[in-house]
Amino acid sequence: MRQAFVAPAATLPAVISRLNAEVNETLKLPEVRANLDRLGFNPMIMSPQEFGAFLAAQAQKWPPVIKAANIQPQ
């Protein structure tokens, strides 16, 4: 399972950068990491650009799988 923080499209780049930096630093704290590990989470610490590329790759990866498996929305 993947979790992410997102913001409205009109959010200023400086705000996105600051939020990203703060969240990433928090995810690196040993006590936060220990709690996330205990809950089964494995954080992927990324820049906004890396996250955008990750989302784009996922948008290419999954539609053919869904179609091949004949998965229908519910």
PDB file of N, CA and C in Angstrom:
ATOM      1  N   MET A   1       0.839  -1.168   0.000  1.00  0.00           N
ATOM      2  CA  MET A   1       0.000   0.000   0.000  1.00  0.00           C
ATOM      3  C   MET A   1       0.893   1.243   0.000  1.00  0.00           C
ATOM      4  N   ARG A   2       0.506   2.221  -0.771  1.00  0.00           N
ATOM      5  CA  ARG A   2       1.240   3.487  -0.845  1.00  0.00           C
ATOM      6  C   ARG A   2       0.401   4.596  -0.226  1.00  0.00           C
ATOM      7  N   GLN A   3       1.061   5.467   0.469  1.00  0.00           N
ATOM      8  CA  GLN A   3       0.444   6.657   1.045  1.00  0.00           C
ATOM      9  C   GLN A   3       1.239   7.851   0.566  1.00  0.00           C
ATOM     10  N   ALA A   4       0.602   8.993   0.419  1.00  0.00           N
ATOM     11  CA  ALA A   4       1.318  10.179  -0.033  1.00  0.00           C
ATOM     12  C   ALA A   4       0.658  11.425   0.518  1.00  0.00           C
ATOM     13  N   PHE A   5       1.441  12.461   0.620  1.00  0.00           N
ATOM     14  CA  PHE A   5       0.922  13.788   0.918  1.00  0.00           C
ATOM     15  C   PHE A   5       0.806  14.519  -0.405  1.00  0.00           C
ATOM     16  N   VAL A   6      -0.336  15.130  -0.650  1.00  0.00           N
ATOM     17  CA  VAL A   6      -0.530  15.929  -1.854  1.00  0.00           C
ATOM     18  C   VAL A   6      -1.139  17.263  -1.454  1.00  0.00           C
ATOM     19  N   ALA A   7      -1.050  18.221  -2.351  1.00  0.00           N
ATOM     20  CA  ALA A   7      -1.591  19.553  -2.108  1.00  0.00           C
ATOM     21  C   ALA A   7      -2.350  19.983  -3.356  1.00  0.00           C
ATOM     22  N   PRO A   8      -3.214  20.975  -3.218  1.00  0.00           N
ATOM     23  CA  PRO A   8      -3.934  21.467  -4.398  1.00  0.00           C
ATOM     24  C   PRO A   8      -2.972  21.928  -5.494  1.00  0.00           C
ATOM     25  N   ALA A   9      -3.402  21.808  -6.742  1.00  0.00           N
ATOM     26  CA  ALA A   9      -2.554  22.149  -7.886  1.00  0.00           C
ATOM     27  C   ALA A   9      -2.051  23.585  -7.838  1.00  0.00           C
ATOM     28  N   ALA A  10      -2.804  24.491  -7.260  1.00  0.00           N
ATOM     29  CA  ALA A  10      -2.421  25.910  -7.238  1.00  0.00           C
ATOM     30  C   ALA A  10      -1.460  26.262  -6.099  1.00  0.00           C
ATOM     31  N   THR A  11      -1.021  25.268  -5.333  1.00  0.00           N
ATOM     32  CA  THR A  11      -0.110  25.535  -4.221  1.00  0.00           C
ATOM     33  C   THR A  11       1.222  26.066  -4.758  1.00  0.00           C
ATOM     34  N   LEU A  12       1.713  27.120  -4.138  1.00  0.00           N
ATOM     35  CA  LEU A  12       2.961  27.738  -4.580  1.00  0.00           C
ATOM     36  C   LEU A  12       4.128  26.750  -4.478  1.00  0.00           C
ATOM     37  N   PRO A  13       5.034  26.755  -5.454  1.00  0.00           N
ATOM     38  CA  PRO A  13       6.186  25.843  -5.418  1.00  0.00           C
ATOM     39  C   PRO A  13       7.007  25.976  -4.139  1.00  0.00           C
ATOM     40  N   ALA A  14       7.146  27.186  -3.609  1.00  0.00           N
ATOM     41  CA  ALA A  14       7.913  27.362  -2.373  1.00  0.00           C
ATOM     42  C   ALA A  14       7.247  26.637  -1.207  1.00  0.00           C
ATOM     43  N   VAL A  15       5.922  26.635  -1.191  1.00  0.00           N
ATOM     44  CA  VAL A  15       5.185  25.938  -0.127  1.00  0.00           C
ATOM     45  C   VAL A  15       5.361  24.432  -0.288  1.00  0.00           C
ATOM     46  N   ILE A  16       5.263  23.950  -1.517  1.00  0.00           N
ATOM     47  CA  ILE A  16       5.464  22.519  -1.783  1.00  0.00           C
ATOM     48  C   ILE A  16       6.864  22.092  -1.339  1.00  0.00           C
ATOM     49  N   SER A  17       7.854  22.882  -1.683  1.00  0.00           N
ATOM     50  CA  SER A  17       9.236  22.553  -1.307  1.00  0.00           C
ATOM     51  C   SER A  17       9.405  22.502   0.201  1.00  0.00           C
ATOM     52  N   ARG A  18       8.831  23.454   0.891  1.00  0.00           N
ATOM     53  CA  ARG A  18       8.950  23.497   2.356  1.00  0.00           C
ATOM     54  C   ARG A  18       8.245  22.304   2.990  1.00  0.00           C
ATOM     55  N   LEU A  19       7.019  22.029   2.547  1.00  0.00           N
ATOM     56  CA  LEU A  19       6.286  20.875   3.081  1.00  0.00           C
ATOM     57  C   LEU A  19       7.053  19.578   2.821  1.00  0.00           C
ATOM     58  N   ASN A  20       7.576  19.437   1.604  1.00  0.00           N
ATOM     59  CA  ASN A  20       8.327  18.241   1.261  1.00  0.00           C
ATOM     60  C   ASN A  20       9.547  18.080   2.153  1.00  0.00           C
ATOM     61  N   ALA A  21      10.282  19.166   2.356  1.00  0.00           N
ATOM     62  CA  ALA A  21      11.481  19.101   3.198  1.00  0.00           C
ATOM     63  C   ALA A  21      11.128  18.718   4.629  1.00  0.00           C
ATOM     64  N   GLU A  22      10.080  19.321   5.174  1.00  0.00           N
ATOM     65  CA  GLU A  22       9.690  19.035   6.556  1.00  0.00           C
ATOM     66  C   GLU A  22       9.198  17.596   6.720  1.00  0.00           C
ATOM     67  N   VAL A  23       8.377  17.135   5.795  1.00  0.00           N
ATOM     68  CA  VAL A  23       7.882  15.753   5.876  1.00  0.00           C
ATOM     69  C   VAL A  23       9.035  14.770   5.739  1.00  0.00           C
ATOM     70  N   ASN A  24       9.923  15.007   4.778  1.00  0.00           N
ATOM     71  CA  ASN A  24      11.056  14.097   4.584  1.00  0.00           C
ATOM     72  C   ASN A  24      11.958  14.053   5.813  1.00  0.00           C
ATOM     73  N   GLU A  25      12.215  15.201   6.422  1.00  0.00           N
ATOM     74  CA  GLU A  25      13.043  15.216   7.633  1.00  0.00           C
ATOM     75  C   GLU A  25      12.358  14.472   8.772  1.00  0.00           C
ATOM     76  N   THR A  26      11.052  14.631   8.881  1.00  0.00           N
ATOM     77  CA  THR A  26      10.303  13.917   9.922  1.00  0.00           C
ATOM     78  C   THR A  26      10.366  12.412   9.697  1.00  0.00           C
ATOM     79  N   LEU A  27      10.255  11.991   8.445  1.00  0.00           N
ATOM     80  CA  LEU A  27      10.308  10.557   8.139  1.00  0.00           C
ATOM     81  C   LEU A  27      11.668   9.934   8.444  1.00  0.00           C
ATOM     82  N   LYS A  28      12.698  10.761   8.541  1.00  0.00           N
ATOM     83  CA  LYS A  28      14.038  10.265   8.849  1.00  0.00           C
ATOM     84  C   LYS A  28      14.298  10.125  10.349  1.00  0.00           C
ATOM     85  N   LEU A  29      13.432  10.689  11.188  1.00  0.00           N
ATOM     86  CA  LEU A  29      13.640  10.615  12.636  1.00  0.00           C
ATOM     87  C   LEU A  29      13.542   9.166  13.108  1.00  0.00           C
ATOM     88  N   PRO A  30      14.486   8.733  13.939  1.00  0.00           N
ATOM     89  CA  PRO A  30      14.488   7.327  14.375  1.00  0.00           C
ATOM     90  C   PRO A  30      13.178   6.879  15.020  1.00  0.00           C
ATOM     91  N   GLU A  31      12.582   7.719  15.853  1.00  0.00           N
ATOM     92  CA  GLU A  31      11.339   7.302  16.522  1.00  0.00           C
ATOM     93  C   GLU A  31      10.178   7.205  15.534  1.00  0.00           C
ATOM     94  N   VAL A  32      10.163   8.086  14.547  1.00  0.00           N
ATOM     95  CA  VAL A  32       9.124   8.019  13.513  1.00  0.00           C
ATOM     96  C   VAL A  32       9.343   6.777  12.662  1.00  0.00           C
ATOM     97  N   ARG A  33      10.583   6.550  12.260  1.00  0.00           N
ATOM     98  CA  ARG A  33      10.918   5.378  11.450  1.00  0.00           C
ATOM     99  C   ARG A  33      10.541   4.091  12.184  1.00  0.00           C
ATOM    100  N   ALA A  34      10.839   4.025  13.487  1.00  0.00           N
ATOM    101  CA  ALA A  34      10.513   2.829  14.272  1.00  0.00           C
ATOM    102  C   ALA A  34       9.007   2.588  14.308  1.00  0.00           C
ATOM    103  N   ASN A  35       8.243   3.650  14.509  1.00  0.00           N
ATOM    104  CA  ASN A  35       6.784   3.498  14.536  1.00  0.00           C
ATOM    105  C   ASN A  35       6.239   3.079  13.181  1.00  0.00           C
ATOM    106  N   LEU A  36       6.755   3.661  12.121  1.00  0.00           N
ATOM    107  CA  LEU A  36       6.303   3.283  10.786  1.00  0.00           C
ATOM    108  C   LEU A  36       6.673   1.836  10.469  1.00  0.00           C
ATOM    109  N   ASP A  37       7.879   1.432  10.858  1.00  0.00           N
ATOM    110  CA  ASP A  37       8.291   0.032  10.668  1.00  0.00           C
ATOM    111  C   ASP A  37       7.353  -0.914  11.407  1.00  0.00           C
ATOM    112  N   ARG A  38       7.016  -0.550  12.632  1.00  0.00           N
ATOM    113  CA  ARG A  38       6.123  -1.378  13.447  1.00  0.00           C
ATOM    114  C   ARG A  38       4.760  -1.538  12.781  1.00  0.00           C
ATOM    115  N   LEU A  39       4.322  -0.496  12.072  1.00  0.00           N
ATOM    116  CA  LEU A  39       3.033  -0.522  11.394  1.00  0.00           C
ATOM    117  C   LEU A  39       3.103  -1.110   9.987  1.00  0.00           C
ATOM    118  N   GLY A  40       4.310  -1.473   9.557  1.00  0.00           N
ATOM    119  CA  GLY A  40       4.470  -2.086   8.247  1.00  0.00           C
ATOM    120  C   GLY A  40       4.649  -1.107   7.100  1.00  0.00           C
ATOM    121  N   PHE A  41       4.977   0.138   7.414  1.00  0.00           N
ATOM    122  CA  PHE A  41       5.201   1.146   6.372  1.00  0.00           C
ATOM    123  C   PHE A  41       6.684   1.248   6.057  1.00  0.00           C
ATOM    124  N   ASN A  42       6.996   1.451   4.795  1.00  0.00           N
ATOM    125  CA  ASN A  42       8.366   1.651   4.346  1.00  0.00           C
ATOM    126  C   ASN A  42       8.390   2.949   3.548  1.00  0.00           C
ATOM    127  N   PRO A  43       8.671   4.080   4.189  1.00  0.00           N
ATOM    128  CA  PRO A  43       8.592   5.363   3.494  1.00  0.00           C
ATOM    129  C   PRO A  43       9.536   5.468   2.307  1.00  0.00           C
ATOM    130  N   MET A  44       9.031   6.068   1.256  1.00  0.00           N
ATOM    131  CA  MET A  44       9.824   6.387   0.073  1.00  0.00           C
ATOM    132  C   MET A  44      10.044   7.898   0.116  1.00  0.00           C
ATOM    133  N   ILE A  45      11.210   8.304   0.542  1.00  0.00           N
ATOM    134  CA  ILE A  45      11.502   9.727   0.683  1.00  0.00           C
ATOM    135  C   ILE A  45      11.895  10.261  -0.695  1.00  0.00           C
ATOM    136  N   MET A  46      11.086  11.207  -1.205  1.00  0.00           N
ATOM    137  CA  MET A  46      11.261  11.707  -2.560  1.00  0.00           C
ATOM    138  C   MET A  46      11.121  13.224  -2.601  1.00  0.00           C
ATOM    139  N   SER A  47      11.678  13.793  -3.662  1.00  0.00           N
ATOM    140  CA  SER A  47      11.438  15.200  -3.960  1.00  0.00           C
ATOM    141  C   SER A  47      10.089  15.291  -4.676  1.00  0.00           C
ATOM    142  N   PRO A  48       9.523  16.500  -4.779  1.00  0.00           N
ATOM    143  CA  PRO A  48       8.281  16.636  -5.552  1.00  0.00           C
ATOM    144  C   PRO A  48       8.447  16.142  -6.997  1.00  0.00           C
ATOM    145  N   GLN A  49       9.599  16.394  -7.587  1.00  0.00           N
ATOM    146  CA  GLN A  49       9.837  15.960  -8.960  1.00  0.00           C
ATOM    147  C   GLN A  49       9.910  14.429  -9.051  1.00  0.00           C
ATOM    148  N   GLU A  50      10.573  13.808  -8.098  1.00  0.00           N
ATOM    149  CA  GLU A  50      10.653  12.342  -8.077  1.00  0.00           C
ATOM    150  C   GLU A  50       9.271  11.733  -7.883  1.00  0.00           C
ATOM    151  N   PHE A  51       8.464  12.350  -7.015  1.00  0.00           N
ATOM    152  CA  PHE A  51       7.117  11.853  -6.781  1.00  0.00           C
ATOM    153  C   PHE A  51       6.273  11.979  -8.044  1.00  0.00           C
ATOM    154  N   GLY A  52       6.413  13.098  -8.757  1.00  0.00           N
ATOM    155  CA  GLY A  52       5.692  13.274 -10.015  1.00  0.00           C
ATOM    156  C   GLY A  52       6.076  12.205 -11.025  1.00  0.00           C
ATOM    157  N   ALA A  53       7.366  11.908 -11.112  1.00  0.00           N
ATOM    158  CA  ALA A  53       7.834  10.863 -12.023  1.00  0.00           C
ATOM    159  C   ALA A  53       7.307   9.491 -11.592  1.00  0.00           C
ATOM    160  N   PHE A  54       7.279   9.238 -10.292  1.00  0.00           N
ATOM    161  CA  PHE A  54       6.740   7.981  -9.766  1.00  0.00           C
ATOM    162  C   PHE A  54       5.267   7.835 -10.152  1.00  0.00           C
ATOM    163  N   LEU A  55       4.485   8.905  -9.954  1.00  0.00           N
ATOM    164  CA  LEU A  55       3.065   8.851 -10.308  1.00  0.00           C
ATOM    165  C   LEU A  55       2.875   8.626 -11.805  1.00  0.00           C
ATOM    166  N   ALA A  56       3.675   9.299 -12.615  1.00  0.00           N
ATOM    167  CA  ALA A  56       3.576   9.119 -14.067  1.00  0.00           C
ATOM    168  C   ALA A  56       3.882   7.672 -14.456  1.00  0.00           C
ATOM    169  N   ALA A  57       4.892   7.085 -13.834  1.00  0.00           N
ATOM    170  CA  ALA A  57       5.236   5.688 -14.121  1.00  0.00           C
ATOM    171  C   ALA A  57       4.110   4.746 -13.707  1.00  0.00           C
ATOM    172  N   GLN A  58       3.496   5.018 -12.553  1.00  0.00           N
ATOM    173  CA  GLN A  58       2.390   4.180 -12.096  1.00  0.00           C
ATOM    174  C   GLN A  58       1.182   4.294 -13.033  1.00  0.00           C
ATOM    175  N   ALA A  59       0.955   5.497 -13.547  1.00  0.00           N
ATOM    176  CA  ALA A  59      -0.160   5.714 -14.469  1.00  0.00           C
ATOM    177  C   ALA A  59       0.045   4.955 -15.782  1.00  0.00           C
ATOM    178  N   GLN A  60       1.286   4.674 -16.143  1.00  0.00           N
ATOM    179  CA  GLN A  60       1.584   3.878 -17.335  1.00  0.00           C
ATOM    180  C   GLN A  60       1.554   2.383 -17.029  1.00  0.00           C
ATOM    181  N   LYS A  61       1.966   2.021 -15.827  1.00  0.00           N
ATOM    182  CA  LYS A  61       2.128   0.615 -15.454  1.00  0.00           C
ATOM    183  C   LYS A  61       0.796  -0.116 -15.268  1.00  0.00           C
ATOM    184  N   TRP A  62      -0.128   0.481 -14.537  1.00  0.00           N
ATOM    185  CA  TRP A  62      -1.295  -0.257 -14.081  1.00  0.00           C
ATOM    186  C   TRP A  62      -2.465  -0.396 -15.054  1.00  0.00           C
ATOM    187  N   PRO A  63      -2.754   0.549 -15.929  1.00  0.00           N
ATOM    188  CA  PRO A  63      -3.907   0.340 -16.830  1.00  0.00           C
ATOM    189  C   PRO A  63      -3.839  -0.942 -17.660  1.00  0.00           C
ATOM    190  N   PRO A  64      -2.687  -1.315 -18.233  1.00  0.00           N
ATOM    191  CA  PRO A  64      -2.673  -2.591 -18.979  1.00  0.00           C
ATOM    192  C   PRO A  64      -2.914  -3.807 -18.078  1.00  0.00           C
ATOM    193  N   VAL A  65      -2.424  -3.747 -16.856  1.00  0.00           N
ATOM    194  CA  VAL A  65      -2.635  -4.855 -15.917  1.00  0.00           C
ATOM    195  C   VAL A  65      -4.116  -4.967 -15.582  1.00  0.00           C
ATOM    196  N   ILE A  66      -4.737  -3.846 -15.320  1.00  0.00           N
ATOM    197  CA  ILE A  66      -6.166  -3.823 -14.987  1.00  0.00           C
ATOM    198  C   ILE A  66      -6.990  -4.350 -16.156  1.00  0.00           C
ATOM    199  N   LYS A  67      -6.648  -3.910 -17.362  1.00  0.00           N
ATOM    200  CA  LYS A  67      -7.378  -4.364 -18.550  1.00  0.00           C
ATOM    201  C   LYS A  67      -7.189  -5.860 -18.767  1.00  0.00           C
ATOM    202  N   ALA A  68      -5.945  -6.346 -18.659  1.00  0.00           N
ATOM    203  CA  ALA A  68      -5.656  -7.771 -18.866  1.00  0.00           C
ATOM    204  C   ALA A  68      -6.381  -8.646 -17.852  1.00  0.00           C
ATOM    205  N   ALA A  69      -6.541  -8.129 -16.632  1.00  0.00           N
ATOM    206  CA  ALA A  69      -7.212  -8.897 -15.576  1.00  0.00           C
ATOM    207  C   ALA A  69      -8.723  -8.683 -15.598  1.00  0.00           C
ATOM    208  N   ASN A  70      -9.193  -7.855 -16.534  1.00  0.00           N
ATOM    209  CA  ASN A  70     -10.617  -7.549 -16.655  1.00  0.00           C
ATOM    210  C   ASN A  70     -11.207  -7.042 -15.342  1.00  0.00           C
ATOM    211  N   ILE A  71     -10.464  -6.187 -14.670  1.00  0.00           N
ATOM    212  CA  ILE A  71     -10.934  -5.607 -13.416  1.00  0.00           C
ATOM    213  C   ILE A  71     -11.876  -4.454 -13.727  1.00  0.00           C
ATOM    214  N   GLN A  72     -13.021  -4.479 -13.092  1.00  0.00           N
ATOM    215  CA  GLN A  72     -14.046  -3.457 -13.314  1.00  0.00           C
ATOM    216  C   GLN A  72     -14.196  -2.584 -12.074  1.00  0.00           C
ATOM    217  N   PRO A  73     -14.480  -1.294 -12.261  1.00  0.00           N
ATOM    218  CA  PRO A  73     -14.713  -0.433 -11.092  1.00  0.00           C
ATOM    219  C   PRO A  73     -15.964  -0.872 -10.346  1.00  0.00           C
ATOM    220  N   GLN A  74     -15.959  -0.638  -9.059  1.00  0.00           N
ATOM    221  CA  GLN A  74     -17.118  -1.014  -8.241  1.00  0.00           C
ATOM    222  C   GLN A  74     -17.776   0.210  -7.675  1.00  0.00           C
TER     223      GLN A  74
END
